[in-house]
């Protein structure tokens, strides 16, 4: 079984892989997307961030690392 540090390192590793694929394969498209993102209002960015956090929490809750019970009882 993994301890907390192992899981966090593994999660950061996967995050780095997923975040790096777009600029690696499609740098110009990625650059345009970042430019458009910078021009968005703060409220829109906060909403988008909230949705991402909510989706991430749902995934962690429904698919825990040990595949046993959910982490929130």
Protein backbone atom coordinates (compact mmCIF):
# COMPACT_ATOMS: atom_id res chain seq x y z
CA UNK A 1 0.00 0.00 0.00
CA UNK A 2 1.12 3.55 -0.65
CA UNK A 3 1.61 6.09 2.09
CA UNK A 4 0.43 9.70 1.76
CA UNK A 5 3.74 11.01 0.45
CA UNK A 6 3.86 8.39 -2.30
CA UNK A 7 0.31 9.23 -3.38
CA UNK A 8 1.03 12.98 -3.46
CA UNK A 9 4.21 12.51 -5.47
CA UNK A 10 2.38 10.21 -7.87
CA UNK A 11 -0.48 12.73 -8.23
CA UNK A 12 1.95 15.59 -8.95
CA UNK A 13 3.73 13.41 -11.49
CA UNK A 14 0.49 12.66 -13.36
CA UNK A 15 -0.50 16.32 -13.16
CA UNK A 16 2.83 17.34 -14.72
CA UNK A 17 2.35 14.82 -17.52
CA UNK A 18 -1.18 16.00 -18.31
CA UNK A 19 -0.26 19.67 -18.08
CA UNK A 20 2.79 19.23 -20.30
CA UNK A 21 1.18 17.34 -23.18
CA UNK A 22 -0.62 20.35 -24.72
CA UNK A 23 2.35 22.73 -24.92
CA UNK A 24 4.57 19.85 -26.07
CA UNK A 25 2.34 18.74 -28.94
CA UNK A 26 0.42 21.94 -29.80
CA UNK A 27 2.49 24.95 -28.65
CA UNK A 28 0.78 27.60 -30.80
CA UNK A 29 -2.74 26.44 -29.92
CA UNK A 30 -1.74 26.33 -26.26
CA UNK A 31 -0.33 29.86 -26.46
CA UNK A 32 -3.59 31.19 -27.98
CA UNK A 33 -5.62 29.45 -25.28
CA UNK A 34 -3.49 31.02 -22.54
CA UNK A 35 -3.88 34.47 -24.11
CA UNK A 36 -7.66 34.05 -24.16
CA UNK A 37 -7.62 32.79 -20.59
CA UNK A 38 -5.72 35.87 -19.40
CA UNK A 39 -8.41 38.10 -20.91
CA UNK A 40 -11.28 36.41 -19.06
CA UNK A 41 -12.94 38.22 -16.14
CA UNK A 42 -11.94 37.18 -12.63
CA UNK A 43 -15.42 35.83 -11.87
CA UNK A 44 -15.23 33.46 -14.83
CA UNK A 45 -11.82 32.18 -13.76
CA UNK A 46 -13.07 31.61 -10.21
CA UNK A 47 -16.08 29.69 -11.50
CA UNK A 48 -13.88 27.56 -13.74
CA UNK A 49 -11.50 26.89 -10.84
CA UNK A 50 -14.40 25.93 -8.60
CA UNK A 51 -15.72 23.46 -11.16
CA UNK A 52 -12.27 21.89 -11.53
CA UNK A 53 -11.86 21.55 -7.76
CA UNK A 54 -15.34 20.04 -7.48
CA UNK A 55 -14.63 17.52 -10.24
CA UNK A 56 -11.30 16.62 -8.65
CA UNK A 57 -12.91 16.07 -5.25
CA UNK A 58 -15.57 13.84 -6.80
CA UNK A 59 -12.91 11.74 -8.53
CA UNK A 60 -10.88 11.39 -5.35
CA UNK A 61 -13.99 10.48 -3.39
CA UNK A 62 -15.36 7.91 -5.84
CA UNK A 63 -12.03 6.39 -6.90
CA UNK A 64 -9.83 6.19 -3.79
CA UNK A 65 -6.28 4.86 -4.08
CA UNK A 66 -6.98 1.64 -2.18
CA UNK A 67 -10.09 0.72 -4.25
CA UNK A 68 -11.79 -0.25 -1.01
CA UNK A 69 -14.33 2.02 0.58
CA UNK A 70 -14.70 5.67 -0.38
CA UNK A 71 -12.51 8.04 1.62
CA UNK A 72 -15.53 9.94 2.99
CA UNK A 73 -17.78 7.66 5.02
